[in-house]
Protein backbone atom coordinates (compact mmCIF):
# COMPACT_ATOMS: atom_id res chain seq x y z
CA MET A 1 141.61 183.89 -127.83
CA GLU A 2 144.28 182.59 -125.45
CA ILE A 3 146.16 185.59 -124.11
CA TRP A 4 148.14 183.68 -121.46
CA THR A 5 150.12 180.45 -121.28
CA ASP A 6 150.39 179.12 -117.73
CA TYR A 7 153.43 177.27 -116.43
CA ARG A 8 153.90 175.48 -113.13
CA VAL A 9 157.27 176.46 -111.69
CA ALA A 10 159.11 174.87 -108.75
CA LEU A 11 162.41 176.29 -107.47
CA GLN A 12 164.56 174.24 -105.08
CA VAL A 13 166.52 176.57 -102.81
CA ASP A 14 169.89 175.18 -101.71
CA GLY A 15 170.57 176.15 -98.12
CA GLN A 16 169.27 179.25 -96.35
CA PHE A 17 166.31 181.24 -97.68
CA GLY A 18 165.86 184.56 -95.89
CA ALA A 19 162.71 186.46 -94.94
CA SER A 20 162.16 190.16 -95.64
CA ILE A 21 158.99 191.30 -93.81
CA PRO A 22 159.50 193.36 -90.60
CA ARG A 23 158.53 191.52 -87.43
CA SER A 24 157.50 194.52 -85.31
CA VAL A 25 154.37 196.65 -85.70
CA ASP A 26 156.34 199.93 -85.78
CA GLU A 27 158.64 198.72 -88.57
CA ILE A 28 155.71 197.32 -90.55
CA ARG A 29 154.08 200.76 -90.41
CA LYS A 30 157.32 202.42 -91.56
CA MET A 31 157.68 199.93 -94.43
CA LEU A 32 154.14 200.60 -95.64
CA GLU A 33 154.54 204.37 -95.32
CA HIS A 34 157.71 204.17 -97.44
CA ARG A 35 155.84 202.25 -100.15
CA MET A 36 152.85 204.58 -100.18
CA PRO A 37 152.53 206.80 -103.28
CA GLY A 38 152.83 210.54 -102.75
CA ARG A 39 149.20 210.96 -103.77
CA LYS A 40 146.90 208.30 -102.33
CA PRO A 41 144.13 207.06 -104.63
CA GLU A 42 140.53 207.64 -103.66
CA GLY A 43 139.26 204.90 -101.36
CA ALA A 44 142.77 203.76 -100.35
CA VAL A 45 142.94 201.49 -97.30
CA PRO A 46 144.13 203.49 -94.25
CA ILE A 47 147.73 202.86 -93.24
CA GLU A 48 146.70 201.66 -89.77
CA GLU A 49 144.39 199.03 -91.27
CA LEU A 50 147.13 197.81 -93.61
CA THR A 51 149.56 197.70 -90.69
CA GLU A 52 147.17 195.56 -88.66
CA GLN A 53 146.69 193.21 -91.62
CA VAL A 54 150.42 192.67 -92.21
CA ALA A 55 151.09 192.42 -88.46
CA ALA A 56 148.53 189.62 -88.25
CA GLU A 57 150.13 187.85 -91.21
CA VAL A 58 153.58 187.80 -89.56
CA GLY A 59 152.26 187.17 -86.06
CA ALA A 60 153.42 190.53 -84.68
CA ASP A 61 151.79 192.05 -81.62
CA ALA A 62 151.87 195.73 -80.63
CA ASP A 63 152.85 194.70 -77.10
CA ASP A 64 155.74 192.46 -78.20
CA GLU A 65 159.26 193.68 -77.45
CA PHE A 66 160.87 192.56 -80.70
CA THR A 67 164.31 193.85 -81.57
CA PRO A 68 164.23 196.47 -84.36
CA GLY A 69 165.59 195.19 -87.66
CA TRP A 70 164.11 191.70 -87.39
CA ALA A 71 162.73 190.24 -90.64
CA THR A 72 160.37 187.28 -90.82
CA PHE A 73 157.84 185.52 -93.09
CA LYS A 74 154.14 186.02 -93.47
CA ARG A 75 152.17 182.99 -92.30
CA ASP A 76 148.73 181.51 -91.99
CA GLU A 77 147.28 178.53 -90.10
CA GLN A 78 149.02 176.11 -92.51
CA GLY A 79 152.53 177.54 -92.50
CA LEU A 80 154.96 180.13 -93.86
CA LEU A 81 154.11 182.23 -96.92
CA TYR A 82 155.96 184.02 -99.71
CA GLU A 83 154.56 186.77 -101.92
CA ALA A 84 154.18 186.74 -105.69
CA ARG A 85 155.42 190.35 -105.86
CA CYS A 86 158.79 189.18 -104.49
CA VAL A 87 159.13 186.54 -107.21
CA ARG A 88 158.15 189.08 -109.85
CA GLY A 89 160.70 191.53 -108.46
CA HIS A 90 163.33 188.78 -108.66
CA ILE A 91 162.44 188.14 -112.31
CA LYS A 92 162.70 191.88 -113.09
CA ASP A 93 166.15 192.12 -111.47
CA CYS A 94 167.45 189.07 -113.31
CA ALA A 95 165.94 190.18 -116.63
CA GLN A 96 168.11 193.30 -116.47
CA GLN A 97 171.23 191.16 -116.14
CA VAL A 98 170.53 188.90 -119.14
CA VAL A 99 169.72 191.76 -121.55
CA PRO A 100 173.07 191.35 -123.41
CA PHE A 101 172.15 187.77 -124.35
CA PHE A 102 169.09 188.92 -126.31
CA PRO A 103 170.17 191.92 -128.39
CA GLY A 104 167.35 191.32 -130.85
CA VAL A 105 164.67 192.16 -128.25
CA LYS A 106 164.50 195.90 -127.69
CA ALA A 107 163.53 197.10 -124.20
CA PHE A 108 163.93 193.50 -123.03
CA ARG A 109 163.37 194.13 -119.30
CA ALA A 110 160.27 196.26 -119.89
CA LYS A 111 158.80 193.57 -122.12
CA VAL A 112 159.44 190.93 -119.46
CA VAL A 113 157.69 193.11 -116.87
CA ASN A 114 154.62 193.44 -119.09
CA SER A 115 154.56 189.79 -120.16
CA VAL A 116 155.09 187.83 -116.93
CA TYR A 117 152.84 187.56 -113.87
CA ILE A 118 152.85 185.25 -110.86
CA LYS A 119 149.88 183.49 -109.24
CA PRO A 120 148.65 183.18 -106.55
CA ASN A 121 149.41 186.44 -104.76
CA VAL A 122 150.84 184.51 -101.82
CA PHE A 123 151.85 180.86 -101.63
CA HIS A 124 153.27 178.48 -99.04
CA VAL A 125 156.97 177.85 -98.62
CA MET A 126 157.25 174.08 -99.03
CA ARG A 127 159.50 171.20 -98.02
CA GLY A 128 158.81 167.54 -98.65
CA GLY A 129 155.51 168.35 -100.32
CA ALA A 130 154.08 170.15 -97.27
CA PRO A 131 154.09 173.78 -96.03
CA ILE A 132 156.92 174.66 -93.65
CA LEU A 133 155.42 175.44 -90.26
CA GLU A 134 158.24 177.38 -88.60
CA VAL A 135 161.56 178.98 -89.42
CA ASN A 136 164.78 177.03 -88.86
CA GLY A 137 166.48 179.94 -87.15
CA ALA A 138 167.43 183.61 -87.16
CA GLU A 139 170.76 184.93 -88.41
CA GLU A 140 172.36 187.84 -86.52
CA ARG A 141 174.11 190.48 -88.62
CA PHE A 142 176.13 193.53 -87.57
CA ILE A 143 175.50 196.41 -89.96
CA GLN A 144 176.35 200.09 -90.45
CA VAL A 145 173.43 202.53 -90.68
CA MET A 146 173.46 206.24 -91.46
CA THR A 147 171.66 208.49 -88.97
CA ARG A 148 171.39 212.27 -88.55
CA GLN A 149 174.29 211.97 -86.14
CA GLY A 150 176.40 210.08 -88.70
CA PRO A 151 177.18 206.36 -89.19
CA ARG A 152 176.24 204.01 -86.38
CA SER A 153 176.61 200.29 -85.79
CA SER A 154 173.47 198.24 -85.46
CA ILE A 155 172.27 194.63 -85.38
CA LYS A 156 169.67 193.00 -87.58
CA TYR A 157 168.09 189.56 -87.44
CA VAL A 158 166.81 187.58 -90.41
CA ASP A 159 164.57 184.53 -90.03
CA TYR A 160 165.38 181.75 -92.47
CA VAL A 161 164.37 178.27 -93.58
CA ILE A 162 166.63 175.56 -94.97
CA ASP A 163 166.22 173.97 -98.43
CA PRO A 164 162.64 175.10 -99.17
CA VAL A 165 160.78 174.69 -102.45
CA LEU A 166 158.93 177.66 -103.98
CA GLU A 167 156.03 176.54 -106.17
CA PHE A 168 153.87 178.97 -108.16
CA THR A 169 152.10 179.51 -111.46
CA LEU A 170 153.83 181.75 -113.99
CA ARG A 171 151.59 183.41 -116.59
CA LEU A 172 153.33 184.29 -119.84
CA ARG A 173 151.61 186.49 -122.40
CA THR A 174 151.23 184.81 -125.77
CA LYS A 175 151.79 186.55 -129.12
CA GLY A 176 154.66 188.56 -127.65
CA GLU A 177 158.42 188.72 -128.01
CA ILE A 178 159.10 187.17 -124.60
CA GLU A 179 159.14 183.38 -124.79
CA LYS A 180 159.99 180.52 -122.47
CA GLU A 181 163.63 180.46 -123.62
CA HIS A 182 164.02 184.00 -122.26
CA LEU A 183 162.60 182.92 -118.91
CA ASP A 184 164.89 179.87 -118.86
CA ALA A 185 167.84 182.28 -119.09
CA ILE A 186 166.39 184.51 -116.38
CA PHE A 187 165.99 181.60 -113.96
CA GLU A 188 169.44 180.24 -114.87
CA TYR A 189 170.96 183.57 -113.87
CA GLY A 190 168.62 183.84 -110.87
CA GLY A 191 169.73 180.49 -109.52
CA THR A 192 173.17 181.95 -108.80
CA HIS A 193 171.97 185.49 -108.04
CA GLY A 194 169.61 184.13 -105.38
CA ILE A 195 166.11 185.01 -104.24
CA GLY A 196 164.99 186.46 -100.92
CA ALA A 197 167.04 188.26 -98.29
CA GLU A 198 170.80 188.16 -97.70
CA ARG A 199 171.75 187.31 -101.29
CA SER A 200 175.16 188.91 -100.66
CA GLN A 201 175.76 186.01 -98.28
CA GLU A 202 174.86 183.54 -101.07
CA TRP A 203 171.47 182.82 -99.55
CA GLY A 204 168.54 181.93 -101.79
CA GLN A 205 170.50 180.22 -104.56
CA TYR A 206 168.35 177.65 -106.32
CA SER A 207 167.86 175.16 -109.13
CA VAL A 208 164.74 174.81 -111.28
CA LEU A 209 162.91 171.61 -110.39
CA SER A 210 160.15 172.10 -112.95
CA PHE A 211 158.95 174.65 -115.47
CA GLU A 212 156.16 172.96 -117.38
CA PRO A 213 152.91 174.08 -119.06
CA VAL A 214 149.83 173.78 -116.87
CA GLY A 215 147.62 172.84 -119.79
CA GLU A 216 143.94 172.85 -118.92
CA GLU A 217 144.59 172.95 -115.17
CA VAL A 218 142.75 175.75 -113.38
CA VAL A 219 145.07 178.42 -112.00
CA ALA A 220 144.71 178.96 -108.25
CA LYS A 221 143.40 182.39 -107.28
């Protein structure tokens, strides 16, 4: 029984593609604490261990004097990385916006969430068929933040790359109501909505380079 149909997807980002992982150890810890469930499951990895893991993946050092509010990419020895959970989150957001186009599918967004998965868990950000080694720059933004003392002005920095390609395997559940035509609409909307950080600045807009069945090809783990 074939439960999944695998597709190879490639998205060509036009212009700036922004990072979203904190670059300082303290902010990484705060991010993970915010995501932690109220009741930790038995055997959960300690927060300090998770912090060290993510810090290593973004190249952060506890002794570094990075400016608070600086976002960057995860990376390994080959280059910059992007997470499958971010792509899946993008698909969920866009699915909500195309609901009116598919009135015959009840609970459309929920069915997309339960029918679509992304592999591998992390993948390289590509350009010219090779992983991108370093960011192209960091954008400075002036923002308003709310503190206990009231609104305050602050500065944030966002690392970005120019014109990257995001390539991943999309697994679509067979024998369900969600089909490729629904995903085509989701990615059509997503191309204008944008993926990654700073979408309000029109970052992360893309076109679909390919969305083809994998066939008998083994899915990377």
